[in-house]
């Protein structure tokens, strides 16, 4: 059932409730307008109460700049935690699946892939469980300026992954985000990521600003250690990752991302074709 849609039973109850509360015939000559108005108000209140049964919880949509638990769904399942070797040791960064030709590419912060040979990715990781399995990193695509000098403007990396068991590609399991560049200075961004201290992802949406021509800033609380590499989503597409200046920020209330520029787009194209 679509959110907000009423079932057949709910519609029947609604009709009966309103019928019982509204006058069945013209009001007697001595009736007051106030009495008729009160019945209408009661009927409307009953309608609102019944509708609320089938509507999603209004609290599920957080106010801008509010960090809350990211519930399972299409978008959050494409985001996962990065582990060293396996899930027993705890997760240290976040990554997300992006669309590619062979359906095997993730995006994260470059500083999250210093040890790619031991890094595994768990999309949709939640409460200690990996519902889509584990995927080991098989190739890394980073800018030469990151490799040579860890330039914060190049703190974006793409990586190919392969399943630790089976043969299904990661994008076949959870889907993949498109990648976009050239976003407006005040673009509204949704960040989804895993603090190291939490086994469920957090989500925050807010307007951003340019900290510099090559760095974007967002104000969201509780995006602490472990959220590096979290995708910055604009209209459902990756426009950056948490990283860059100060490797993403020194305080959990303010985070940064390198702007998705020409070099990052070229890396993405290389990874998407090579896989």
Protein backbone atom coordinates (compact mmCIF):
# COMPACT_ATOMS: atom_id res chain seq x y z
CA UNK A 1 0.00 0.00 0.00
CA UNK A 2 1.30 3.45 -0.87
CA UNK A 3 2.02 5.72 2.16
CA UNK A 4 -1.12 7.55 3.14
CA UNK A 5 -3.42 5.24 1.17
CA UNK A 6 -6.51 3.92 2.96
CA UNK A 7 -7.45 0.25 2.94
CA UNK A 8 -11.00 -0.82 2.02
CA UNK A 9 -11.74 -1.48 5.69
CA UNK A 10 -10.44 1.93 6.70
CA UNK A 11 -12.61 3.64 4.10
CA UNK A 12 -15.65 1.79 5.38
CA UNK A 13 -14.94 2.77 8.97
CA UNK A 14 -14.40 6.36 7.89
CA UNK A 15 -17.77 6.51 6.10
CA UNK A 16 -19.63 4.97 9.04
CA UNK A 17 -17.96 7.27 11.56
CA UNK A 18 -18.72 10.42 9.61
CA UNK A 19 -22.29 9.27 8.87
CA UNK A 20 -22.95 8.66 12.55
CA UNK A 21 -21.69 12.08 13.57
CA UNK A 22 -23.34 14.23 10.95
CA UNK A 23 -27.06 15.15 11.22
CA UNK A 24 -29.38 12.64 9.49
CA UNK A 25 -31.99 15.28 8.62
CA UNK A 26 -32.53 18.98 8.67
CA UNK A 27 -32.02 20.44 12.14
CA UNK A 28 -35.09 21.35 14.19
CA UNK A 29 -36.06 24.97 14.22
CA UNK A 30 -34.63 25.47 17.71
CA UNK A 31 -31.18 23.97 16.96
CA UNK A 32 -28.22 26.28 17.16
CA UNK A 33 -25.50 26.76 14.58
CA UNK A 34 -22.96 25.94 17.26
CA UNK A 35 -24.40 22.43 17.68
CA UNK A 36 -24.20 21.73 13.94
CA UNK A 37 -20.67 23.14 13.79
CA UNK A 38 -19.55 20.94 16.66
CA UNK A 39 -20.77 17.83 14.82
CA UNK A 40 -18.82 18.81 11.73
CA UNK A 41 -15.70 19.38 13.83
CA UNK A 42 -16.13 15.98 15.47
CA UNK A 43 -16.45 14.35 12.07
CA UNK A 44 -13.30 16.07 10.84
CA UNK A 45 -11.41 15.01 13.96
CA UNK A 46 -12.51 11.42 13.40
CA UNK A 47 -11.30 11.61 9.81
CA UNK A 48 -7.90 12.91 10.91
CA UNK A 49 -7.57 10.17 13.51
CA UNK A 50 -8.40 7.45 11.02
CA UNK A 51 -6.11 8.82 8.33
CA UNK A 52 -3.22 8.94 10.77
CA UNK A 53 -3.35 5.17 11.13
CA UNK A 54 -2.14 4.71 7.57
CA UNK A 55 0.15 7.71 7.20
CA UNK A 56 3.89 7.38 7.93
CA UNK A 57 5.13 8.78 11.21
CA UNK A 58 5.66 12.51 10.78
CA UNK A 59 8.72 12.25 13.01
CA UNK A 60 10.40 10.04 10.42
CA UNK A 61 11.35 13.13 8.41
CA UNK A 62 14.02 15.02 10.33
CA UNK A 63 14.38 18.78 10.26
CA UNK A 64 17.31 20.17 8.24
CA UNK A 65 20.56 19.86 10.13
CA UNK A 66 19.26 17.05 12.36
CA UNK A 67 21.07 13.74 12.50
CA UNK A 68 18.97 10.62 12.97
CA UNK A 69 19.13 6.89 12.40
CA UNK A 70 18.95 5.97 8.70
CA UNK A 71 16.21 3.40 8.31
CA UNK A 72 16.68 0.44 5.93
CA UNK A 73 15.76 1.23 2.33
CA UNK A 74 17.02 1.50 -1.22
CA UNK A 75 19.38 4.39 -0.52
CA UNK A 76 20.78 3.35 2.85
CA UNK A 77 21.36 -0.24 1.67
CA UNK A 78 23.74 1.09 -0.99
CA UNK A 79 25.85 2.59 1.78
CA UNK A 80 28.05 0.35 3.90
CA UNK A 81 30.86 0.16 6.41
CA UNK A 82 34.53 -0.53 5.68
CA UNK A 83 36.34 -3.08 7.85
CA UNK A 84 39.95 -4.23 8.15
CA UNK A 85 39.94 -7.91 7.27
CA UNK A 86 36.50 -8.78 8.64
CA UNK A 87 33.64 -7.56 10.75
CA UNK A 88 35.15 -8.69 14.06
CA UNK A 89 37.54 -5.76 14.30
CA UNK A 90 35.05 -2.91 13.98
CA UNK A 91 34.48 -0.54 11.08
CA UNK A 92 36.62 2.51 10.40
CA UNK A 93 35.11 4.28 7.36
CA UNK A 94 32.03 4.41 5.11
CA UNK A 95 31.60 3.79 1.38
CA UNK A 96 28.77 3.59 -1.15
CA UNK A 97 28.04 1.66 -4.33
CA UNK A 98 28.05 3.70 -7.56
CA UNK A 99 26.86 2.70 -11.00
CA UNK A 100 29.47 1.13 -13.28
CA UNK A 101 29.70 -1.02 -16.39
CA UNK A 102 30.58 -4.21 -14.55
CA UNK A 103 28.56 -3.24 -11.44
CA UNK A 104 31.45 -3.57 -9.01
CA UNK A 105 32.53 -0.03 -7.97
CA UNK A 106 32.30 1.84 -4.66
CA UNK A 107 33.23 5.40 -3.70
CA UNK A 108 34.81 6.55 -0.44
CA UNK A 109 37.44 8.99 0.82
CA UNK A 110 40.96 8.39 -0.44
CA UNK A 111 42.31 8.44 3.11
CA UNK A 112 40.09 5.42 3.87
CA UNK A 113 42.01 3.20 1.42
CA UNK A 114 45.54 3.39 2.78
CA UNK A 115 45.46 -0.40 3.25
CA UNK A 116 43.24 -1.69 0.44
CA UNK A 117 44.56 -5.27 0.53
CA UNK A 118 42.87 -5.87 3.88
CA UNK A 119 39.77 -3.70 3.39
CA UNK A 120 36.32 -5.23 3.04
CA UNK A 121 32.98 -3.53 2.39
CA UNK A 122 29.64 -4.48 3.96
CA UNK A 123 26.72 -2.74 2.19
CA UNK A 124 23.62 -2.30 4.30
CA UNK A 125 25.51 -3.29 7.46
CA UNK A 126 23.24 -2.98 10.47
CA UNK A 127 23.31 -4.15 14.08
CA UNK A 128 26.23 -6.50 13.57
CA UNK A 129 24.80 -8.17 10.47
CA UNK A 130 25.88 -8.00 6.81
CA UNK A 131 22.66 -8.78 4.90
CA UNK A 132 24.34 -8.53 1.49
CA UNK A 133 27.61 -10.20 2.41
CA UNK A 134 31.19 -8.88 2.34
CA UNK A 135 33.12 -7.49 -0.64
CA UNK A 136 36.90 -7.23 -0.75
CA UNK A 137 38.66 -4.33 -2.45
CA UNK A 138 40.43 -5.45 -5.63
CA UNK A 139 41.52 -2.13 -7.16
CA UNK A 140 41.85 1.53 -6.15
CA UNK A 141 41.50 4.67 -8.28
CA UNK A 142 42.92 7.86 -6.72
CA UNK A 143 44.42 11.06 -8.02
CA UNK A 144 48.22 11.22 -8.39
CA UNK A 145 48.08 14.39 -6.30
CA UNK A 146 46.64 12.32 -3.45
CA UNK A 147 49.24 9.58 -3.86
CA UNK A 148 52.15 12.03 -4.00
CA UNK A 149 51.10 14.62 -1.41
CA UNK A 150 47.73 13.68 0.12
CA UNK A 151 46.16 16.79 -1.37
CA UNK A 152 42.86 17.30 0.54
CA UNK A 153 41.24 18.52 -2.68
CA UNK A 154 41.74 14.98 -4.06
CA UNK A 155 40.40 13.06 -1.06
CA UNK A 156 37.93 11.09 -3.19
CA UNK A 157 38.58 7.50 -4.26
CA UNK A 158 36.82 4.84 -6.28
CA UNK A 159 37.48 1.15 -5.81
CA UNK A 160 36.48 -2.10 -7.45
CA UNK A 161 35.23 -4.86 -5.18
CA UNK A 162 34.59 -8.59 -5.47
CA UNK A 163 32.44 -10.84 -3.28
CA UNK A 164 34.23 -12.89 -0.63
CA UNK A 165 31.75 -15.68 -1.41
CA UNK A 166 29.67 -16.29 -4.52
CA UNK A 167 29.88 -14.43 -7.81
CA UNK A 168 27.14 -11.78 -7.73
CA UNK A 169 28.34 -8.21 -8.27
CA UNK A 170 27.66 -5.67 -5.55
CA UNK A 171 25.49 -3.44 -7.74
CA UNK A 172 23.32 -6.45 -8.57
CA UNK A 173 22.78 -6.90 -4.83
CA UNK A 174 21.89 -3.32 -3.80
CA UNK A 175 21.91 -1.07 -6.87
CA UNK A 176 24.23 1.91 -7.38
CA UNK A 177 24.14 5.69 -7.16
CA UNK A 178 24.94 7.87 -10.17
CA UNK A 179 27.81 10.36 -9.81
CA UNK A 180 27.40 14.09 -10.50
CA UNK A 181 29.59 17.20 -10.47
CA UNK A 182 29.17 20.98 -10.83
CA UNK A 183 26.59 21.40 -8.07
CA UNK A 184 25.43 24.87 -6.91
CA UNK A 185 27.21 26.47 -3.95
CA UNK A 186 24.20 26.02 -1.65
CA UNK A 187 23.23 22.52 -2.77
CA UNK A 188 21.15 20.55 -0.29
CA UNK A 189 22.98 17.37 0.62
CA UNK A 190 22.03 14.17 2.44
CA UNK A 191 24.90 12.44 4.23
CA UNK A 192 24.59 8.75 5.19
CA UNK A 193 27.38 7.18 7.21
CA UNK A 194 28.56 4.95 10.03
CA UNK A 195 30.23 6.39 13.13
CA UNK A 196 32.76 3.88 14.46
CA UNK A 197 30.82 3.70 17.71
CA UNK A 198 27.52 2.73 16.04
CA UNK A 199 26.52 -0.39 14.11
CA UNK A 200 23.72 1.41 12.27
CA UNK A 201 24.04 4.27 9.78
CA UNK A 202 23.10 7.86 10.54
CA UNK A 203 21.47 10.30 8.14
CA UNK A 204 21.45 14.10 7.99
CA UNK A 205 20.18 16.53 5.34
CA UNK A 206 21.13 20.19 5.20
CA UNK A 207 22.06 23.00 2.83
CA UNK A 208 25.78 23.26 2.18
CA UNK A 209 28.17 26.10 1.47
CA UNK A 210 31.54 26.41 -0.22
CA UNK A 211 34.31 26.55 2.38
CA UNK A 212 36.68 27.20 -0.53
CA UNK A 213 36.40 26.83 -4.30
CA UNK A 214 37.42 23.18 -3.90
CA UNK A 215 35.84 22.25 -0.55
CA UNK A 216 32.19 21.99 0.50
CA UNK A 217 30.93 22.29 4.10
CA UNK A 218 27.83 20.96 5.90
CA UNK A 219 26.58 21.49 9.46
CA UNK A 220 25.30 18.19 10.88
CA UNK A 221 25.82 16.90 14.43
CA UNK A 222 27.23 13.51 15.43
CA UNK A 223 29.11 12.74 12.20
CA UNK A 224 32.10 11.49 14.16
CA UNK A 225 35.04 9.18 13.39
CA UNK A 226 34.02 6.42 11.00
CA UNK A 227 31.82 8.59 8.81
CA UNK A 228 34.75 9.46 6.54
CA UNK A 229 33.84 8.36 3.03
CA UNK A 230 30.10 8.82 3.58
CA UNK A 231 28.37 9.75 0.32
CA UNK A 232 27.06 13.30 -0.06
CA UNK A 233 23.86 12.79 -2.03
CA UNK A 234 22.20 15.50 -4.12
CA UNK A 235 18.85 14.36 -5.53
CA UNK A 236 19.96 10.75 -5.15
CA UNK A 237 23.37 11.12 -6.83
CA UNK A 238 26.83 11.19 -5.25
CA UNK A 239 28.26 14.72 -5.42
CA UNK A 240 31.09 14.18 -2.92
CA UNK A 241 32.18 12.14 0.09
CA UNK A 242 32.94 13.12 3.66
CA UNK A 243 36.64 13.91 3.64
CA UNK A 244 38.92 16.56 2.20
CA UNK A 245 39.76 19.43 4.53
CA UNK A 246 40.97 18.04 7.89
CA UNK A 247 40.08 14.60 6.43
CA UNK A 248 36.43 15.57 6.80
CA UNK A 249 36.57 17.78 9.88
CA UNK A 250 37.92 17.72 13.43
CA UNK A 251 34.57 18.15 15.20
CA UNK A 252 31.44 16.02 14.64
CA UNK A 253 29.20 19.06 14.09
CA UNK A 254 30.94 20.32 10.93
CA UNK A 255 32.00 18.15 8.00
CA UNK A 256 33.68 18.72 4.65
CA UNK A 257 33.92 17.17 1.21
CA UNK A 258 36.23 17.85 -1.66
CA UNK A 259 34.23 19.21 -4.59
CA UNK A 260 33.59 16.54 -7.22
CA UNK A 261 35.75 18.07 -9.93
CA UNK A 262 37.12 16.99 -13.29
CA UNK A 263 39.85 14.79 -11.78
CA UNK A 264 37.35 12.88 -9.62
CA UNK A 265 34.96 12.43 -12.54
CA UNK A 266 37.82 11.07 -14.65
CA UNK A 267 38.71 8.61 -11.88
CA UNK A 268 35.09 7.52 -11.74
CA UNK A 269 34.99 6.96 -15.50
CA UNK A 270 38.17 4.93 -15.33
CA UNK A 271 36.86 2.79 -12.49
CA UNK A 272 33.41 2.40 -14.07
CA UNK A 273 34.92 1.06 -17.29
CA UNK A 274 37.76 -1.01 -15.83
CA UNK A 275 35.89 -2.32 -12.79
